[in-house]
Protein backbone atom coordinates (compact mmCIF):
# COMPACT_ATOMS: atom_id res chain seq x y z
CA MET A 1 -89.76 17.88 35.79
CA LYS A 2 -91.85 18.24 38.95
CA ILE A 3 -94.73 16.41 37.33
CA ARG A 4 -92.44 13.54 36.34
CA VAL A 5 -91.14 13.21 39.91
CA ILE A 6 -94.70 13.27 41.30
CA LEU A 7 -95.80 10.59 38.81
CA ILE A 8 -92.85 8.36 39.73
CA ILE A 9 -93.60 8.74 43.44
CA CYS A 10 -97.30 7.95 42.83
CA PHE A 11 -96.36 4.85 40.84
CA PHE A 12 -94.13 3.48 43.60
CA CYS A 13 -96.69 4.27 46.30
CA SER A 14 -99.51 2.56 44.39
CA SER A 15 -97.31 -0.49 43.68
CA PHE A 16 -96.45 -0.73 47.37
CA LEU A 17 -100.13 -0.49 48.38
CA LEU A 18 -101.19 -3.14 45.86
CA GLN A 19 -98.55 -5.55 47.14
CA ALA A 20 -99.60 -4.91 50.73
CA GLN A 21 -103.24 -5.67 49.87
CA LYS A 22 -102.53 -8.97 48.12
CA ALA A 23 -103.16 -11.62 50.73
CA ALA A 24 -102.44 -15.23 49.97
CA ILE A 25 -103.98 -18.47 51.15
CA LYS A 26 -101.80 -19.88 53.92
CA ASN A 27 -100.46 -23.41 53.97
CA ASN A 28 -102.09 -25.71 56.56
CA SER A 29 -104.17 -22.91 58.09
CA ILE A 30 -107.76 -23.68 59.04
CA TYR A 31 -110.36 -21.51 57.34
CA PHE A 32 -113.80 -21.82 58.94
CA LEU A 33 -116.98 -21.48 56.93
CA SER A 34 -118.75 -18.17 57.34
CA GLY A 35 -121.25 -18.40 54.49
CA ILE A 36 -122.14 -20.45 51.44
CA TYR A 37 -124.39 -19.46 48.56
CA SER A 38 -126.79 -21.67 46.65
CA GLY A 39 -128.96 -20.31 43.86
CA GLY A 40 -127.84 -16.78 44.75
CA LYS A 41 -129.09 -17.10 48.34
CA LYS A 42 -126.87 -17.27 51.40
CA ASN A 43 -127.27 -20.24 53.72
CA ASN A 44 -127.35 -18.52 57.12
CA LEU A 45 -127.41 -21.78 59.10
CA CYS A 46 -123.92 -22.92 58.13
CA LYS A 47 -121.57 -20.62 60.08
CA ASP A 48 -118.75 -22.68 61.61
CA LYS A 49 -120.33 -25.93 60.33
CA GLY A 50 -117.39 -26.64 58.04
CA HIS A 51 -113.79 -25.72 57.36
CA ILE A 52 -111.10 -26.07 54.73
CA VAL A 53 -107.33 -26.61 54.97
CA PHE A 54 -105.04 -26.09 51.96
CA ASP A 55 -101.79 -27.99 51.35
CA LEU A 56 -99.97 -25.60 49.04
CA LYS A 57 -97.13 -28.04 48.32
CA LEU A 58 -99.39 -30.85 47.08
CA ASN A 59 -102.13 -28.62 45.59
CA THR A 60 -104.73 -30.42 47.67
CA ALA A 61 -107.23 -29.34 50.26
CA ALA A 62 -109.53 -31.07 52.73
CA CYS A 63 -112.94 -29.66 53.51
CA PHE A 64 -114.76 -30.90 56.62
CA THR A 65 -118.57 -30.76 56.45
CA SER A 66 -119.45 -31.50 60.11
CA CYS A 67 -119.59 -35.27 59.50
CA ASN A 68 -117.60 -35.97 56.33
CA PHE A 69 -114.47 -34.87 54.50
CA ILE A 70 -114.35 -33.74 50.90
CA GLN A 71 -110.94 -34.22 49.32
CA LEU A 72 -110.04 -31.51 46.82
CA LYS A 73 -107.35 -31.02 44.20
CA TYR A 74 -106.82 -27.56 42.81
CA SER A 75 -104.66 -25.36 40.64
CA MET A 76 -103.77 -21.84 41.70
CA LYS A 77 -101.90 -19.03 40.00
CA GLY A 78 -102.07 -15.62 41.64
CA ASN A 79 -105.70 -15.16 42.64
CA ALA A 80 -106.95 -17.59 39.99
CA LEU A 81 -108.15 -20.79 41.68
CA SER A 82 -109.90 -23.82 40.26
CA PHE A 83 -110.79 -27.10 41.91
CA THR A 84 -110.08 -29.98 39.54
CA SER A 85 -111.34 -32.79 41.77
CA VAL A 86 -114.08 -32.81 44.45
CA THR A 87 -114.37 -36.21 46.15
CA PRO A 88 -116.37 -36.96 49.34
CA ASP A 89 -114.78 -39.59 51.63
CA LYS A 90 -117.96 -41.53 52.44
CA GLU A 91 -121.75 -41.45 52.25
CA PRO A 92 -123.32 -37.96 52.30
CA CYS A 93 -124.03 -36.37 55.63
CA PRO A 94 -127.59 -36.59 56.93
CA ASP A 95 -128.05 -32.82 56.97
CA PRO A 96 -131.18 -32.14 54.90
CA MET A 97 -131.83 -28.89 56.78
CA LEU A 98 -128.41 -27.44 56.00
CA GLY A 99 -127.64 -29.08 52.66
CA LEU A 100 -124.06 -28.11 53.35
CA GLU A 101 -122.27 -31.02 51.70
CA GLU A 102 -124.34 -30.70 48.52
CA ASP A 103 -123.64 -26.95 48.42
CA PHE A 104 -119.90 -27.61 48.76
CA LYS A 105 -119.95 -30.27 46.01
CA MET A 106 -121.91 -27.91 43.76
CA ASN A 107 -119.85 -24.77 44.47
CA PHE A 108 -116.22 -25.96 44.52
CA PRO A 109 -116.15 -26.83 40.78
CA LYS A 110 -117.52 -23.34 39.97
CA VAL A 111 -114.71 -21.46 41.75
CA THR A 112 -112.49 -19.43 39.40
CA ASN A 113 -110.74 -17.06 41.80
CA TYR A 114 -110.38 -15.91 45.38
CA VAL A 115 -110.00 -12.59 47.14
CA PHE A 116 -109.45 -11.55 50.72
CA LYS A 117 -111.89 -9.01 52.10
CA GLY A 118 -110.42 -8.06 55.43
CA LYS A 119 -109.75 -11.42 57.07
CA ASP A 120 -112.37 -13.25 54.98
CA LEU A 121 -111.29 -15.66 52.25
CA VAL A 122 -113.93 -15.28 49.53
CA LEU A 123 -114.19 -17.99 46.86
CA MET A 124 -115.89 -16.71 43.72
CA ASP A 125 -116.86 -17.61 40.20
CA LYS A 126 -116.38 -14.95 37.52
CA LYS A 127 -118.90 -12.57 39.11
CA ASP A 128 -120.54 -13.97 42.26
CA THR A 129 -119.49 -14.98 45.75
CA LEU A 130 -119.84 -18.74 46.28
CA MET A 131 -118.29 -19.32 49.72
CA ILE A 132 -116.79 -17.24 52.50
CA PHE A 133 -114.29 -18.59 55.03
CA TYR A 134 -112.36 -16.90 57.83
CA GLU A 135 -109.11 -17.85 59.48
CA LYS A 136 -109.45 -18.47 63.18
CA PRO A 137 -106.20 -18.21 65.11
CA MET A 138 -105.38 -21.48 66.82
CA PRO A 139 -104.43 -21.41 70.52
CA LYS A 140 -100.69 -21.61 71.05
CA GLY A 141 -99.26 -24.68 72.79
CA LYS A 142 -101.56 -26.51 75.14
């Protein structure tokens, strides 16, 4: 009897902890680029050079690449995430040193899921990290 009670308590505690750890992408929040991977290597020059905003009602997102927008459509269920359309607004950015826009266009279609690690939004394929964003609190009323 004692073991059964302990098991039930452990089950409820673990369920509570799992729910508390599940973070979700927020509607209309700005997530700033922290890192992007290309060919398994992290581009260290890209921090804060881009950001993404999700519209959870329309299943769209806009990604800014320092000089251009990439319009995205996606489907999301739980932590599963896939981008079904990746469309730049205009000519590619002249950023040969960073290659940021090309990395975005290459990586978004590969995304299969997301996780939050602390405050970082990590977009991944089945096994590797592709992009890392962080939410920066916006100043209140100016």
